[in-house]
Amino acid sequence: MSHLPSPWHVDFGDDGAVIHNGVTIAKIPIDANAWKPNAILMSCAPDLLSALERLAHPMADDDDLDYAREIIRQAKGQQP
């Protein structure tokens, strides 16, 4: 199973959010619960998978952990 290539982006508009990578991946309407945080989390999905794969590798190191922490920060919508 494969997902659409990253990076995924999220654009917010008057009627909700669109997650895309050049093509629309998902639309989240404003009336959905927690639509902004959900859109941000969904747009980080490929990077979150990559971070988990790096951490699960037998040769994972501090750089991999730092990468995972940065992606988690982004998925939570936190600024650098």
PDB file of N, CA and C in Angstrom:
ATOM      1  N   MET A   1       0.842  -1.164   0.000  1.00  0.00           N
ATOM      2  CA  MET A   1       0.000   0.000   0.000  1.00  0.00           C
ATOM      3  C   MET A   1       0.894   1.236   0.000  1.00  0.00           C
ATOM      4  N   SER A   2       0.509   2.231  -0.745  1.00  0.00           N
ATOM      5  CA  SER A   2       1.303   3.453  -0.851  1.00  0.00           C
ATOM      6  C   SER A   2       0.387   4.664  -0.723  1.00  0.00           C
ATOM      7  N   HIS A   3       0.947   5.745  -0.254  1.00  0.00           N
ATOM      8  CA  HIS A   3       0.182   6.983  -0.160  1.00  0.00           C
ATOM      9  C   HIS A   3       0.696   7.963  -1.210  1.00  0.00           C
ATOM     10  N   LEU A   4      -0.055   9.032  -1.417  1.00  0.00           N
ATOM     11  CA  LEU A   4       0.396  10.051  -2.356  1.00  0.00           C
ATOM     12  C   LEU A   4       1.703  10.639  -1.855  1.00  0.00           C
ATOM     13  N   PRO A   5       2.592  11.029  -2.767  1.00  0.00           N
ATOM     14  CA  PRO A   5       3.900  11.521  -2.340  1.00  0.00           C
ATOM     15  C   PRO A   5       3.800  12.797  -1.509  1.00  0.00           C
ATOM     16  N   SER A   6       4.776  12.951  -0.636  1.00  0.00           N
ATOM     17  CA  SER A   6       4.862  14.164   0.171  1.00  0.00           C
ATOM     18  C   SER A   6       5.749  15.166  -0.553  1.00  0.00           C
ATOM     19  N   PRO A   7       5.774  16.401  -0.151  1.00  0.00           N
ATOM     20  CA  PRO A   7       5.125  16.938   1.037  1.00  0.00           C
ATOM     21  C   PRO A   7       3.647  17.221   0.789  1.00  0.00           C
ATOM     22  N   TRP A   8       2.892  17.066   1.846  1.00  0.00           N
ATOM     23  CA  TRP A   8       1.486  17.453   1.826  1.00  0.00           C
ATOM     24  C   TRP A   8       1.389  18.846   2.440  1.00  0.00           C
ATOM     25  N   HIS A   9       0.480  19.633   1.928  1.00  0.00           N
ATOM     26  CA  HIS A   9       0.283  20.995   2.420  1.00  0.00           C
ATOM     27  C   HIS A   9      -1.175  21.161   2.823  1.00  0.00           C
ATOM     28  N   VAL A  10      -1.422  22.132   3.687  1.00  0.00           N
ATOM     29  CA  VAL A  10      -2.795  22.445   4.074  1.00  0.00           C
ATOM     30  C   VAL A  10      -3.030  23.924   3.799  1.00  0.00           C
ATOM     31  N   ASP A  11      -4.116  24.213   3.126  1.00  0.00           N
ATOM     32  CA  ASP A  11      -4.548  25.586   2.865  1.00  0.00           C
ATOM     33  C   ASP A  11      -5.890  25.790   3.540  1.00  0.00           C
ATOM     34  N   PHE A  12      -5.994  26.876   4.304  1.00  0.00           N
ATOM     35  CA  PHE A  12      -7.235  27.213   4.990  1.00  0.00           C
ATOM     36  C   PHE A  12      -7.989  28.253   4.189  1.00  0.00           C
ATOM     37  N   GLY A  13      -9.295  28.067   4.073  1.00  0.00           N
ATOM     38  CA  GLY A  13     -10.149  29.005   3.362  1.00  0.00           C
ATOM     39  C   GLY A  13     -11.396  29.314   4.165  1.00  0.00           C
ATOM     40  N   ASP A  14     -12.279  30.068   3.572  1.00  0.00           N
ATOM     41  CA  ASP A  14     -13.519  30.464   4.245  1.00  0.00           C
ATOM     42  C   ASP A  14     -14.452  29.287   4.504  1.00  0.00           C
ATOM     43  N   ASP A  15     -14.303  28.212   3.728  1.00  0.00           N
ATOM     44  CA  ASP A  15     -15.218  27.078   3.875  1.00  0.00           C
ATOM     45  C   ASP A  15     -14.559  25.844   4.485  1.00  0.00           C
ATOM     46  N   GLY A  16     -13.294  25.957   4.917  1.00  0.00           N
ATOM     47  CA  GLY A  16     -12.621  24.825   5.534  1.00  0.00           C
ATOM     48  C   GLY A  16     -11.172  24.735   5.103  1.00  0.00           C
ATOM     49  N   ALA A  17     -10.654  23.526   5.060  1.00  0.00           N
ATOM     50  CA  ALA A  17      -9.257  23.300   4.720  1.00  0.00           C
ATOM     51  C   ALA A  17      -9.157  22.295   3.579  1.00  0.00           C
ATOM     52  N   VAL A  18      -8.106  22.451   2.788  1.00  0.00           N
ATOM     53  CA  VAL A  18      -7.803  21.510   1.716  1.00  0.00           C
ATOM     54  C   VAL A  18      -6.372  21.012   1.931  1.00  0.00           C
ATOM     55  N   ILE A  19      -6.217  19.706   1.954  1.00  0.00           N
ATOM     56  CA  ILE A  19      -4.903  19.085   2.051  1.00  0.00           C
ATOM     57  C   ILE A  19      -4.546  18.627   0.650  1.00  0.00           C
ATOM     58  N   HIS A  20      -3.335  18.969   0.214  1.00  0.00           N
ATOM     59  CA  HIS A  20      -2.963  18.680  -1.173  1.00  0.00           C
ATOM     60  C   HIS A  20      -1.458  18.510  -1.304  1.00  0.00           C
ATOM     61  N   ASN A  21      -1.059  17.943  -2.409  1.00  0.00           N
ATOM     62  CA  ASN A  21       0.343  17.867  -2.814  1.00  0.00           C
ATOM     63  C   ASN A  21       0.436  18.212  -4.297  1.00  0.00           C
ATOM     64  N   GLY A  22      -0.393  19.129  -4.722  1.00  0.00           N
ATOM     65  CA  GLY A  22      -0.566  19.441  -6.132  1.00  0.00           C
ATOM     66  C   GLY A  22      -1.913  18.946  -6.615  1.00  0.00           C
ATOM     67  N   VAL A  23      -2.397  17.884  -6.005  1.00  0.00           N
ATOM     68  CA  VAL A  23      -3.754  17.385  -6.216  1.00  0.00           C
ATOM     69  C   VAL A  23      -4.424  17.328  -4.853  1.00  0.00           C
ATOM     70  N   THR A  24      -5.724  17.466  -4.841  1.00  0.00           N
ATOM     71  CA  THR A  24      -6.454  17.446  -3.581  1.00  0.00           C
ATOM     72  C   THR A  24      -6.431  16.050  -2.975  1.00  0.00           C
ATOM     73  N   ILE A  25      -6.017  15.980  -1.717  1.00  0.00           N
ATOM     74  CA  ILE A  25      -5.988  14.721  -0.976  1.00  0.00           C
ATOM     75  C   ILE A  25      -7.233  14.619  -0.106  1.00  0.00           C
ATOM     76  N   ALA A  26      -7.595  15.728   0.541  1.00  0.00           N
ATOM     77  CA  ALA A  26      -8.763  15.720   1.424  1.00  0.00           C
ATOM     78  C   ALA A  26      -9.288  17.137   1.589  1.00  0.00           C
ATOM     79  N   LYS A  27     -10.574  17.243   1.860  1.00  0.00           N
ATOM     80  CA  LYS A  27     -11.217  18.503   2.191  1.00  0.00           C
ATOM     81  C   LYS A  27     -11.857  18.344   3.565  1.00  0.00           C
ATOM     82  N   ILE A  28     -11.650  19.333   4.410  1.00  0.00           N
ATOM     83  CA  ILE A  28     -12.230  19.291   5.748  1.00  0.00           C
ATOM     84  C   ILE A  28     -13.106  20.536   5.909  1.00  0.00           C
ATOM     85  N   PRO A  29     -14.417  20.338   6.046  1.00  0.00           N
ATOM     86  CA  PRO A  29     -15.311  21.491   6.174  1.00  0.00           C
ATOM     87  C   PRO A  29     -15.194  22.132   7.561  1.00  0.00           C
ATOM     88  N   ILE A  30     -15.522  23.409   7.614  1.00  0.00           N
ATOM     89  CA  ILE A  30     -15.457  24.143   8.875  1.00  0.00           C
ATOM     90  C   ILE A  30     -16.332  23.510   9.939  1.00  0.00           C
ATOM     91  N   ASP A  31     -17.438  22.926   9.566  1.00  0.00           N
ATOM     92  CA  ASP A  31     -18.356  22.389  10.560  1.00  0.00           C
ATOM     93  C   ASP A  31     -17.878  21.091  11.213  1.00  0.00           C
ATOM     94  N   ALA A  32     -16.763  20.552  10.756  1.00  0.00           N
ATOM     95  CA  ALA A  32     -16.218  19.346  11.385  1.00  0.00           C
ATOM     96  C   ALA A  32     -15.602  19.711  12.738  1.00  0.00           C
ATOM     97  N   ASN A  33     -15.650  18.775  13.685  1.00  0.00           N
ATOM     98  CA  ASN A  33     -15.028  19.018  14.986  1.00  0.00           C
ATOM     99  C   ASN A  33     -13.530  19.204  14.818  1.00  0.00           C
ATOM    100  N   ALA A  34     -13.002  20.206  15.469  1.00  0.00           N
ATOM    101  CA  ALA A  34     -11.555  20.467  15.483  1.00  0.00           C
ATOM    102  C   ALA A  34     -10.964  20.445  14.076  1.00  0.00           C
ATOM    103  N   TRP A  35     -11.621  21.105  13.145  1.00  0.00           N
ATOM    104  CA  TRP A  35     -11.210  21.008  11.743  1.00  0.00           C
ATOM    105  C   TRP A  35      -9.802  21.530  11.486  1.00  0.00           C
ATOM    106  N   LYS A  36      -9.381  22.603  12.133  1.00  0.00           N
ATOM    107  CA  LYS A  36      -8.026  23.112  11.893  1.00  0.00           C
ATOM    108  C   LYS A  36      -6.955  22.154  12.415  1.00  0.00           C
ATOM    109  N   PRO A  37      -7.023  21.726  13.684  1.00  0.00           N
ATOM    110  CA  PRO A  37      -6.000  20.788  14.150  1.00  0.00           C
ATOM    111  C   PRO A  37      -5.994  19.471  13.365  1.00  0.00           C
ATOM    112  N   ASN A  38      -7.167  18.998  12.975  1.00  0.00           N
ATOM    113  CA  ASN A  38      -7.228  17.763  12.181  1.00  0.00           C
ATOM    114  C   ASN A  38      -6.572  17.951  10.827  1.00  0.00           C
ATOM    115  N   ALA A  39      -6.784  19.096  10.199  1.00  0.00           N
ATOM    116  CA  ALA A  39      -6.165  19.367   8.898  1.00  0.00           C
ATOM    117  C   ALA A  39      -4.650  19.422   9.015  1.00  0.00           C
ATOM    118  N   ILE A  40      -4.158  20.069  10.064  1.00  0.00           N
ATOM    119  CA  ILE A  40      -2.710  20.147  10.269  1.00  0.00           C
ATOM    120  C   ILE A  40      -2.134  18.748  10.490  1.00  0.00           C
ATOM    121  N   LEU A  41      -2.777  17.961  11.351  1.00  0.00           N
ATOM    122  CA  LEU A  41      -2.308  16.606  11.621  1.00  0.00           C
ATOM    123  C   LEU A  41      -2.307  15.758  10.352  1.00  0.00           C
ATOM    124  N   MET A  42      -3.374  15.824   9.587  1.00  0.00           N
ATOM    125  CA  MET A  42      -3.456  15.037   8.350  1.00  0.00           C
ATOM    126  C   MET A  42      -2.376  15.443   7.356  1.00  0.00           C
ATOM    127  N   SER A  43      -2.080  16.735   7.270  1.00  0.00           N
ATOM    128  CA  SER A  43      -1.073  17.181   6.305  1.00  0.00           C
ATOM    129  C   SER A  43       0.325  16.703   6.685  1.00  0.00           C
ATOM    130  N   CYS A  44       0.535  16.349   7.949  1.00  0.00           N
ATOM    131  CA  CYS A  44       1.830  15.847   8.422  1.00  0.00           C
ATOM    132  C   CYS A  44       1.948  14.325   8.331  1.00  0.00           C
ATOM    133  N   ALA A  45       0.911  13.641   7.895  1.00  0.00           N
ATOM    134  CA  ALA A  45       0.889  12.179   7.918  1.00  0.00           C
ATOM    135  C   ALA A  45       2.106  11.531   7.246  1.00  0.00           C
ATOM    136  N   PRO A  46       2.501  11.935   6.043  1.00  0.00           N
ATOM    137  CA  PRO A  46       3.667  11.269   5.437  1.00  0.00           C
ATOM    138  C   PRO A  46       4.941  11.475   6.251  1.00  0.00           C
ATOM    139  N   ASP A  47       5.113  12.675   6.824  1.00  0.00           N
ATOM    140  CA  ASP A  47       6.308  12.942   7.621  1.00  0.00           C
ATOM    141  C   ASP A  47       6.273  12.176   8.942  1.00  0.00           C
ATOM    142  N   LEU A  48       5.093  12.022   9.535  1.00  0.00           N
ATOM    143  CA  LEU A  48       4.976  11.228  10.758  1.00  0.00           C
ATOM    144  C   LEU A  48       5.347   9.771  10.496  1.00  0.00           C
ATOM    145  N   LEU A  49       4.900   9.230   9.372  1.00  0.00           N
ATOM    146  CA  LEU A  49       5.267   7.863   8.996  1.00  0.00           C
ATOM    147  C   LEU A  49       6.781   7.751   8.820  1.00  0.00           C
ATOM    148  N   SER A  50       7.366   8.721   8.148  1.00  0.00           N
ATOM    149  CA  SER A  50       8.812   8.714   7.941  1.00  0.00           C
ATOM    150  C   SER A  50       9.560   8.755   9.273  1.00  0.00           C
ATOM    151  N   ALA A  51       9.088   9.591  10.198  1.00  0.00           N
ATOM    152  CA  ALA A  51       9.737   9.679  11.513  1.00  0.00           C
ATOM    153  C   ALA A  51       9.665   8.351  12.248  1.00  0.00           C
ATOM    154  N   LEU A  52       8.508   7.693  12.202  1.00  0.00           N
ATOM    155  CA  LEU A  52       8.380   6.390  12.861  1.00  0.00           C
ATOM    156  C   LEU A  52       9.296   5.355  12.228  1.00  0.00           C
ATOM    157  N   GLU A  53       9.386   5.368  10.911  1.00  0.00           N
ATOM    158  CA  GLU A  53      10.265   4.412  10.230  1.00  0.00           C
ATOM    159  C   GLU A  53      11.719   4.646  10.627  1.00  0.00           C
ATOM    160  N   ARG A  54      12.116   5.918  10.726  1.00  0.00           N
ATOM    161  CA  ARG A  54      13.495   6.225  11.129  1.00  0.00           C
ATOM    162  C   ARG A  54      13.765   5.758  12.554  1.00  0.00           C
ATOM    163  N   LEU A  55      12.810   5.997  13.465  1.00  0.00           N
ATOM    164  CA  LEU A  55      13.002   5.594  14.863  1.00  0.00           C
ATOM    165  C   LEU A  55      13.017   4.076  15.024  1.00  0.00           C
ATOM    166  N   ALA A  56      12.297   3.371  14.177  1.00  0.00           N
ATOM    167  CA  ALA A  56      12.223   1.916  14.271  1.00  0.00           C
ATOM    168  C   ALA A  56      13.450   1.227  13.677  1.00  0.00           C
ATOM    169  N   HIS A  57      14.270   1.967  12.951  1.00  0.00           N
ATOM    170  CA  HIS A  57      15.456   1.392  12.324  1.00  0.00           C
ATOM    171  C   HIS A  57      16.478   1.026  13.409  1.00  0.00           C
ATOM    172  N   PRO A  58      17.139  -0.129  13.277  1.00  0.00           N
ATOM    173  CA  PRO A  58      18.110  -0.542  14.285  1.00  0.00           C
ATOM    174  C   PRO A  58      19.272   0.445  14.477  1.00  0.00           C
ATOM    175  N   MET A  59      19.547   1.268  13.468  1.00  0.00           N
ATOM    176  CA  MET A  59      20.649   2.225  13.560  1.00  0.00           C
ATOM    177  C   MET A  59      20.157   3.635  13.895  1.00  0.00           C
ATOM    178  N   ALA A  60      18.952   3.763  14.415  1.00  0.00           N
ATOM    179  CA  ALA A  60      18.399   5.076  14.762  1.00  0.00           C
ATOM    180  C   ALA A  60      19.328   5.781  15.745  1.00  0.00           C
ATOM    181  N   ASP A  61      19.428   7.108  15.580  1.00  0.00           N
ATOM    182  CA  ASP A  61      20.305   7.877  16.454  1.00  0.00           C
ATOM    183  C   ASP A  61      19.603   9.162  16.908  1.00  0.00           C
ATOM    184  N   ASP A  62      20.356  10.047  17.533  1.00  0.00           N
ATOM    185  CA  ASP A  62      19.785  11.293  18.055  1.00  0.00           C
ATOM    186  C   ASP A  62      19.207  12.175  16.953  1.00  0.00           C
ATOM    187  N   ASP A  63      19.801  12.149  15.759  1.00  0.00           N
ATOM    188  CA  ASP A  63      19.256  12.930  14.641  1.00  0.00           C
ATOM    189  C   ASP A  63      17.849  12.448  14.283  1.00  0.00           C
ATOM    190  N   ASP A  64      17.656  11.145  14.327  1.00  0.00           N
ATOM    191  CA  ASP A  64      16.333  10.588  14.036  1.00  0.00           C
ATOM    192  C   ASP A  64      15.330  11.012  15.104  1.00  0.00           C
ATOM    193  N   LEU A  65      15.753  11.023  16.345  1.00  0.00           N
ATOM    194  CA  LEU A  65      14.880  11.459  17.425  1.00  0.00           C
ATOM    195  C   LEU A  65      14.563  12.948  17.300  1.00  0.00           C
ATOM    196  N   ASP A  66      15.549  13.757  16.965  1.00  0.00           N
ATOM    197  CA  ASP A  66      15.314  15.194  16.754  1.00  0.00           C
ATOM    198  C   ASP A  66      14.340  15.422  15.603  1.00  0.00           C
ATOM    199  N   TYR A  67      14.492  14.648  14.514  1.00  0.00           N
ATOM    200  CA  TYR A  67      13.573  14.744  13.379  1.00  0.00           C
ATOM    201  C   TYR A  67      12.149  14.419  13.823  1.00  0.00           C
ATOM    202  N   ALA A  68      11.996  13.342  14.586  1.00  0.00           N
ATOM    203  CA  ALA A  68      10.669  12.945  15.063  1.00  0.00           C
ATOM    204  C   ALA A  68      10.057  14.025  15.939  1.00  0.00           C
ATOM    205  N   ARG A  69      10.856  14.609  16.811  1.00  0.00           N
ATOM    206  CA  ARG A  69      10.338  15.684  17.675  1.00  0.00           C
ATOM    207  C   ARG A  69       9.883  16.889  16.860  1.00  0.00           C
ATOM    208  N   GLU A  70      10.616  17.231  15.817  1.00  0.00           N
ATOM    209  CA  GLU A  70      10.241  18.362  14.959  1.00  0.00           C
ATOM    210  C   GLU A  70       8.933  18.085  14.225  1.00  0.00           C
ATOM    211  N   ILE A  71       8.761  16.883  13.710  1.00  0.00           N
ATOM    212  CA  ILE A  71       7.531  16.529  13.009  1.00  0.00           C
ATOM    213  C   ILE A  71       6.356  16.508  13.978  1.00  0.00           C
ATOM    214  N   ILE A  72       6.560  16.024  15.178  1.00  0.00           N
ATOM    215  CA  ILE A  72       5.502  16.049  16.190  1.00  0.00           C
ATOM    216  C   ILE A  72       5.108  17.483  16.500  1.00  0.00           C
ATOM    217  N   ARG A  73       6.076  18.372  16.633  1.00  0.00           N
ATOM    218  CA  ARG A  73       5.803  19.791  16.881  1.00  0.00           C
ATOM    219  C   ARG A  73       4.939  20.368  15.753  1.00  0.00           C
ATOM    220  N   GLN A  74       5.306  20.060  14.518  1.00  0.00           N
ATOM    221  CA  GLN A  74       4.540  20.554  13.372  1.00  0.00           C
ATOM    222  C   GLN A  74       3.119  19.985  13.374  1.00  0.00           C
ATOM    223  N   ALA A  75       3.001  18.694  13.678  1.00  0.00           N
ATOM    224  CA  ALA A  75       1.682  18.048  13.678  1.00  0.00           C
ATOM    225  C   ALA A  75       0.760  18.655  14.733  1.00  0.00           C
ATOM    226  N   LYS A  76       1.354  19.181  15.788  1.00  0.00           N
ATOM    227  CA  LYS A  76       0.578  19.843  16.843  1.00  0.00           C
ATOM    228  C   LYS A  76       0.298  21.301  16.510  1.00  0.00           C
ATOM    229  N   GLY A  77       0.814  21.768  15.369  1.00  0.00           N
ATOM    230  CA  GLY A  77       0.578  23.144  14.958  1.00  0.00           C
ATOM    231  C   GLY A  77       1.398  24.149  15.731  1.00  0.00           C
ATOM    232  N   GLN A  78       2.503  23.708  16.327  1.00  0.00           N
ATOM    233  CA  GLN A  78       3.351  24.599  17.110  1.00  0.00           C
ATOM    234  C   GLN A  78       4.400  25.249  16.239  1.00  0.00           C
ATOM    235  N   GLN A  79       4.720  26.492  16.556  1.00  0.00           N
ATOM    236  CA  GLN A  79       5.727  27.248  15.830  1.00  0.00           C
ATOM    237  C   GLN A  79       7.120  26.837  16.281  1.00  0.00           C
ATOM    238  N   PRO A  80       8.127  27.029  15.404  1.00  0.00           N
ATOM    239  CA  PRO A  80       9.507  26.666  15.795  1.00  0.00           C
ATOM    240  C   PRO A  80      10.021  27.480  16.967  1.00  0.00           C
TER     241      PRO A  80
END
